[in-house]
Protein backbone atom coordinates (compact mmCIF):
# COMPACT_ATOMS: atom_id res chain seq x y z
CA MET A 1 5.44 0.53 84.95
CA LYS A 2 6.36 -2.87 83.52
CA LYS A 3 5.70 -1.65 79.96
CA PHE A 4 7.90 1.39 80.61
CA LYS A 5 10.80 -0.80 81.76
CA ILE A 6 10.48 -3.03 78.70
CA LEU A 7 10.35 0.01 76.40
CA LEU A 8 13.36 1.56 78.13
CA CYS A 9 15.28 -1.70 77.80
CA LEU A 10 14.47 -1.91 74.08
CA VAL A 11 15.56 1.67 73.49
CA LEU A 12 18.85 1.14 75.35
CA CYS A 13 19.56 -2.14 73.55
CA SER A 14 18.86 -0.52 70.19
CA PHE A 15 21.20 2.35 71.05
CA LEU A 16 23.99 -0.05 72.05
CA ILE A 17 23.60 -2.09 68.86
CA ILE A 18 23.62 1.01 66.65
CA THR A 19 26.62 2.63 68.31
CA GLY A 20 28.56 -0.61 68.78
CA CYS A 21 28.19 -1.85 65.21
CA THR A 22 28.91 1.24 63.14
CA ASN A 23 31.61 1.32 60.49
CA LYS A 24 34.90 2.91 61.42
CA GLU A 25 36.16 5.62 59.13
CA ASN A 26 39.82 5.70 60.12
CA ASN A 27 42.52 3.75 58.34
CA ASN A 28 45.89 3.67 60.05
CA GLU A 29 47.87 2.28 57.15
CA GLY A 30 51.18 4.06 57.00
CA GLU A 31 51.45 4.68 60.73
CA THR A 32 54.50 3.00 62.22
CA ASN A 33 53.33 2.46 65.77
CA THR A 34 50.21 0.39 65.17
CA VAL A 35 49.92 -3.29 66.01
CA ALA A 36 49.90 -4.31 62.33
CA SER A 37 52.92 -2.21 61.36
CA GLN A 38 54.91 -3.52 64.33
CA LEU A 39 53.98 -7.09 63.42
CA VAL A 40 55.10 -6.55 59.82
CA THR A 41 58.48 -5.41 61.16
CA GLU A 42 58.62 -8.43 63.47
CA PHE A 43 57.74 -10.76 60.57
CA LYS A 44 60.52 -9.36 58.39
CA LYS A 45 63.02 -9.78 61.23
CA GLU A 46 62.00 -13.36 62.03
CA ILE A 47 61.63 -14.63 58.44
CA ALA A 48 65.19 -13.45 57.79
CA LYS A 49 66.35 -15.79 60.56
CA SER A 50 64.23 -18.84 59.70
CA LYS A 51 62.13 -20.02 56.77
CA ASP A 52 60.09 -22.30 59.08
CA ILE A 53 56.79 -20.40 59.12
CA LYS A 54 55.54 -22.17 62.27
CA GLU A 55 58.68 -21.09 64.11
CA VAL A 56 58.30 -17.53 62.79
CA ALA A 57 54.63 -17.46 63.84
CA ASP A 58 55.53 -18.74 67.31
CA LYS A 59 58.08 -15.91 67.71
CA ILE A 60 55.55 -13.32 66.55
CA SER A 61 52.90 -14.75 68.86
CA GLU A 62 55.28 -14.57 71.83
CA SER A 63 56.20 -10.94 71.19
CA ASN A 64 54.98 -8.15 73.44
CA ILE A 65 53.15 -6.57 70.50
CA ILE A 66 50.16 -8.91 70.79
CA VAL A 67 48.45 -8.50 74.15
CA PRO A 68 45.75 -11.20 74.11
CA THR A 69 46.81 -14.82 74.39
CA THR A 70 47.09 -16.26 70.90
CA VAL A 71 47.22 -19.68 69.34
CA VAL A 72 49.44 -20.58 66.37
CA THR A 73 47.83 -23.17 64.12
CA GLU A 74 49.04 -24.84 60.95
CA ILE A 75 46.30 -24.60 58.32
CA THR A 76 45.47 -26.18 54.99
CA GLU A 77 43.32 -25.09 52.06
CA ASP A 78 40.47 -27.14 53.54
CA ASP A 79 40.41 -25.05 56.73
CA TYR A 80 38.25 -22.00 57.36
CA LEU A 81 40.33 -18.82 57.36
CA ALA A 82 38.72 -16.10 59.45
CA GLY A 83 38.60 -12.60 57.99
CA PHE A 84 37.83 -13.28 54.35
CA ASN A 85 34.70 -13.05 52.22
CA GLU A 86 35.61 -16.16 50.22
CA GLU A 87 37.75 -19.26 50.69
CA ILE A 88 41.47 -18.67 50.25
CA LYS A 89 43.23 -21.24 48.07
CA GLY A 90 46.58 -21.48 46.32
CA PHE A 91 49.11 -21.78 49.15
CA LYS A 92 51.62 -24.54 49.90
CA LYS A 93 51.81 -24.07 53.66
CA ALA A 94 50.22 -21.64 56.07
CA VAL A 95 49.90 -20.82 59.75
CA SER A 96 47.48 -18.57 61.58
CA ILE A 97 47.98 -16.49 64.69
CA ALA A 98 44.65 -15.84 66.38
CA PRO A 99 43.46 -14.89 69.85
CA MET A 100 41.92 -17.53 72.07
CA ILE A 101 38.92 -15.21 72.45
CA GLY A 102 37.24 -15.13 69.05
CA THR A 103 35.61 -11.71 69.39
CA ILE A 104 38.90 -9.80 69.37
CA PRO A 105 39.34 -8.27 65.89
CA PHE A 106 42.79 -9.72 65.29
CA VAL A 107 44.13 -12.41 62.98
CA ALA A 108 47.46 -12.91 61.23
CA TYR A 109 48.62 -15.43 58.67
CA ILE A 110 51.91 -16.49 57.13
CA PHE A 111 51.59 -18.20 53.75
CA GLU A 112 54.18 -19.95 51.62
CA VAL A 113 53.16 -19.49 47.97
CA ASP A 114 54.49 -19.65 44.42
CA ASN A 115 53.28 -16.20 43.32
CA PRO A 116 53.39 -13.94 46.39
CA GLU A 117 52.36 -10.65 44.71
CA GLU A 118 49.25 -12.17 43.14
CA PHE A 119 48.40 -14.03 46.35
CA ALA A 120 48.79 -10.88 48.48
CA SER A 121 46.51 -9.04 46.08
CA THR A 122 43.86 -11.76 46.46
CA LEU A 123 44.10 -11.53 50.25
CA LYS A 124 43.56 -7.76 50.16
CA GLU A 125 40.59 -8.10 47.79
CA GLN A 126 38.90 -10.79 49.89
CA ALA A 127 39.69 -9.32 53.32
CA ASN A 128 36.79 -8.28 55.52
CA LEU A 129 37.73 -6.10 58.49
CA ARG A 130 34.28 -6.80 59.97
CA TRP A 131 34.45 -10.60 59.98
CA ASN A 132 33.45 -10.58 63.65
CA ILE A 133 30.00 -9.48 64.74
CA CYS A 134 30.03 -5.93 66.16
CA THR A 135 33.82 -5.64 66.16
CA GLU A 136 36.03 -4.39 63.39
CA ALA A 137 39.75 -4.44 62.81
CA ASP A 138 41.20 -0.97 62.32
CA GLU A 139 43.67 -1.95 59.64
CA MET A 140 45.15 -4.66 57.49
CA GLN A 141 48.69 -4.95 56.20
CA THR A 142 50.63 -7.38 54.08
CA SER A 143 54.31 -8.02 53.66
CA ILE A 144 56.13 -10.15 51.13
CA VAL A 145 59.55 -11.70 51.71
CA ASP A 146 60.69 -14.15 49.04
CA ASN A 147 57.81 -16.64 48.65
CA TYR A 148 56.25 -15.79 52.00
CA VAL A 149 53.24 -13.55 52.51
CA PHE A 150 52.43 -12.12 55.92
CA PHE A 151 48.87 -10.83 56.30
CA VAL A 152 47.42 -9.19 59.39
CA MET A 153 44.14 -7.52 60.39
CA SER A 154 44.17 -5.89 63.78
CA PRO A 155 43.11 -3.06 66.02
CA SER A 156 45.46 -0.07 66.07
CA ASN A 157 46.44 -1.04 69.59
CA PHE A 158 45.33 -3.42 72.32
CA GLU A 159 44.57 -0.80 74.99
């Protein structure tokens, strides 16, 4: 009986790992009602009002779009940036918006850079929607306004 329980437990754990860690096939880019698309709209609205990226990030973080409690942090090139396969360099200033609970597949950044198109391209190339173990962001989006790049990876919604 004890061996049966252990075997049953192993089978169930294996099933949960396999079903919980599979790749998602859907890409919601282009939809206008996803978390990322709403945050891009919010970024554009706030960056038009203020060029202080910390202030803009605070406003985005306080919006009703992001359900989990988030923390806005000023970052430097020496800091680890979650969500990328390699270190991200080449920005003047940056802030991150991330949930207090690290397993939620959400992260957003605002960068001030000299060459925003090239920088945004690098972010897209290095992005990893599966940076968390067994969770995956549904989409990533970028937005460029002047010398500012907004980058977000998120679930489609927080329900």
